[in-house]
């Protein structure tokens, strides 16, 4: 996977297009590059996936679950229906 910087360069050169989060416009503004918001589209869904990774990975996943809130889904099951550790 190319870096965000090399992707932005390819777009500015006219050899690529990219759908990206709006936050990229803050970090990769450069001449020849236009950031145009998409409208009338479904929100992007993001997933966190990992193999067994030890306590740091588990702690990070717990933070993500907390931040995502009850509307998030894990393995097709609402996080509201999961206990803190039973599904992991």
C-alpha atoms as a PDB file:
ATOM      1  CA  UNK A   1       0.000   0.000   0.000  1.00  0.00           C
ATOM      2  CA  UNK A   2       1.480   3.363  -0.975  1.00  0.00           C
ATOM      3  CA  UNK A   3       1.973   6.054   1.641  1.00  0.00           C
ATOM      4  CA  UNK A   4      -0.482   8.917   1.928  1.00  0.00           C
ATOM      5  CA  UNK A   5       2.248  11.306   0.804  1.00  0.00           C
ATOM      6  CA  UNK A   6       3.043   9.333  -2.378  1.00  0.00           C
ATOM      7  CA  UNK A   7      -0.684   8.983  -3.100  1.00  0.00           C
ATOM      8  CA  UNK A   8      -1.137  12.755  -2.745  1.00  0.00           C
ATOM      9  CA  UNK A   9       1.811  13.319  -5.102  1.00  0.00           C
ATOM     10  CA  UNK A  10       0.325  10.966  -7.720  1.00  0.00           C
ATOM     11  CA  UNK A  11      -3.010  12.782  -7.478  1.00  0.00           C
ATOM     12  CA  UNK A  12      -1.337  16.195  -7.860  1.00  0.00           C
ATOM     13  CA  UNK A  13       0.503  14.861 -10.952  1.00  0.00           C
ATOM     14  CA  UNK A  14      -2.828  13.759 -12.435  1.00  0.00           C
ATOM     15  CA  UNK A  15      -2.053  10.037 -12.423  1.00  0.00           C
ATOM     16  CA  UNK A  16      -4.465   8.996  -9.659  1.00  0.00           C
ATOM     17  CA  UNK A  17      -7.643   9.805  -7.769  1.00  0.00           C
ATOM     18  CA  UNK A  18      -8.419   8.900  -4.191  1.00  0.00           C
ATOM     19  CA  UNK A  19     -11.350   8.794  -1.808  1.00  0.00           C
ATOM     20  CA  UNK A  20      -9.982   9.911   1.547  1.00  0.00           C
ATOM     21  CA  UNK A  21     -11.159  11.172   4.919  1.00  0.00           C
ATOM     22  CA  UNK A  22     -11.518  14.933   5.202  1.00  0.00           C
ATOM     23  CA  UNK A  23      -8.734  14.989   7.793  1.00  0.00           C
ATOM     24  CA  UNK A  24      -6.201  14.256   5.026  1.00  0.00           C
ATOM     25  CA  UNK A  25      -6.881  17.686   3.529  1.00  0.00           C
ATOM     26  CA  UNK A  26      -5.335  19.257   6.629  1.00  0.00           C
ATOM     27  CA  UNK A  27      -2.078  17.328   6.330  1.00  0.00           C
ATOM     28  CA  UNK A  28      -1.604  16.898   2.584  1.00  0.00           C
ATOM     29  CA  UNK A  29      -2.521  20.277   1.127  1.00  0.00           C
ATOM     30  CA  UNK A  30      -0.298  21.057  -1.844  1.00  0.00           C
ATOM     31  CA  UNK A  31      -0.459  22.894  -5.180  1.00  0.00           C
ATOM     32  CA  UNK A  32      -2.453  21.040  -7.811  1.00  0.00           C
ATOM     33  CA  UNK A  33      -4.427  19.046  -5.262  1.00  0.00           C
ATOM     34  CA  UNK A  34      -8.122  19.723  -4.673  1.00  0.00           C
ATOM     35  CA  UNK A  35     -10.184  18.239  -1.869  1.00  0.00           C
ATOM     36  CA  UNK A  36     -13.860  17.963  -2.796  1.00  0.00           C
ATOM     37  CA  UNK A  37     -16.352  16.667  -0.219  1.00  0.00           C
ATOM     38  CA  UNK A  38     -18.652  13.860  -1.317  1.00  0.00           C
ATOM     39  CA  UNK A  39     -22.293  14.446  -0.531  1.00  0.00           C
ATOM     40  CA  UNK A  40     -25.335  12.174  -0.553  1.00  0.00           C
ATOM     41  CA  UNK A  41     -23.300   9.061   0.287  1.00  0.00           C
ATOM     42  CA  UNK A  42     -23.493   6.620   3.161  1.00  0.00           C
ATOM     43  CA  UNK A  43     -21.037   7.213   6.015  1.00  0.00           C
ATOM     44  CA  UNK A  44     -17.817   5.253   5.856  1.00  0.00           C
ATOM     45  CA  UNK A  45     -17.654   2.242   8.123  1.00  0.00           C
ATOM     46  CA  UNK A  46     -14.341   1.402   9.728  1.00  0.00           C
ATOM     47  CA  UNK A  47     -13.343  -1.880  11.324  1.00  0.00           C
ATOM     48  CA  UNK A  48     -10.636  -2.797  13.783  1.00  0.00           C
ATOM     49  CA  UNK A  49      -9.283  -6.312  13.353  1.00  0.00           C
ATOM     50  CA  UNK A  50      -6.345  -8.023  14.987  1.00  0.00           C
ATOM     51  CA  UNK A  51      -4.777 -11.359  15.735  1.00  0.00           C
ATOM     52  CA  UNK A  52      -3.924 -12.302  19.293  1.00  0.00           C
ATOM     53  CA  UNK A  53      -1.667  -9.457  20.247  1.00  0.00           C
ATOM     54  CA  UNK A  54      -1.193  -9.371  23.965  1.00  0.00           C
ATOM     55  CA  UNK A  55      -2.177  -6.843  26.607  1.00  0.00           C
ATOM     56  CA  UNK A  56      -1.336  -3.653  24.668  1.00  0.00           C
ATOM     57  CA  UNK A  57      -3.477  -4.695  21.697  1.00  0.00           C
ATOM     58  CA  UNK A  58      -6.310  -5.736  24.022  1.00  0.00           C
ATOM     59  CA  UNK A  59      -6.087  -2.389  25.835  1.00  0.00           C
ATOM     60  CA  UNK A  60      -6.200  -0.516  22.512  1.00  0.00           C
ATOM     61  CA  UNK A  61      -9.227  -2.562  21.387  1.00  0.00           C
ATOM     62  CA  UNK A  62     -10.973  -1.769  24.676  1.00  0.00           C
ATOM     63  CA  UNK A  63     -10.401   1.956  24.109  1.00  0.00           C
ATOM     64  CA  UNK A  64     -11.802   1.672  20.578  1.00  0.00           C
ATOM     65  CA  UNK A  65     -14.873  -0.165  21.886  1.00  0.00           C
ATOM     66  CA  UNK A  66     -15.408   2.529  24.521  1.00  0.00           C
ATOM     67  CA  UNK A  67     -15.064   5.337  21.983  1.00  0.00           C
ATOM     68  CA  UNK A  68     -17.278   3.630  19.403  1.00  0.00           C
ATOM     69  CA  UNK A  69     -20.105   3.339  21.891  1.00  0.00           C
ATOM     70  CA  UNK A  70     -23.177   1.139  21.810  1.00  0.00           C
ATOM     71  CA  UNK A  71     -23.914   1.817  18.122  1.00  0.00           C
ATOM     72  CA  UNK A  72     -20.793  -0.099  17.078  1.00  0.00           C
ATOM     73  CA  UNK A  73     -20.839  -3.695  15.930  1.00  0.00           C
ATOM     74  CA  UNK A  74     -18.282  -6.400  16.608  1.00  0.00           C
ATOM     75  CA  UNK A  75     -18.268  -9.570  14.511  1.00  0.00           C
ATOM     76  CA  UNK A  76     -21.809  -8.783  13.393  1.00  0.00           C
ATOM     77  CA  UNK A  77     -23.087  -8.412  16.965  1.00  0.00           C
ATOM     78  CA  UNK A  78     -23.956  -5.102  18.570  1.00  0.00           C
ATOM     79  CA  UNK A  79     -21.381  -4.126  21.199  1.00  0.00           C
ATOM     80  CA  UNK A  80     -24.307  -3.319  23.471  1.00  0.00           C
ATOM     81  CA  UNK A  81     -25.011  -7.068  23.539  1.00  0.00           C
ATOM     82  CA  UNK A  82     -21.438  -8.061  24.377  1.00  0.00           C
ATOM     83  CA  UNK A  83     -19.850  -8.257  27.773  1.00  0.00           C
ATOM     84  CA  UNK A  84     -16.459  -6.575  28.150  1.00  0.00           C
ATOM     85  CA  UNK A  85     -14.431  -9.709  27.423  1.00  0.00           C
ATOM     86  CA  UNK A  86     -16.718 -12.638  26.611  1.00  0.00           C
ATOM     87  CA  UNK A  87     -16.654 -12.253  22.812  1.00  0.00           C
ATOM     88  CA  UNK A  88     -12.911 -11.682  22.655  1.00  0.00           C
END
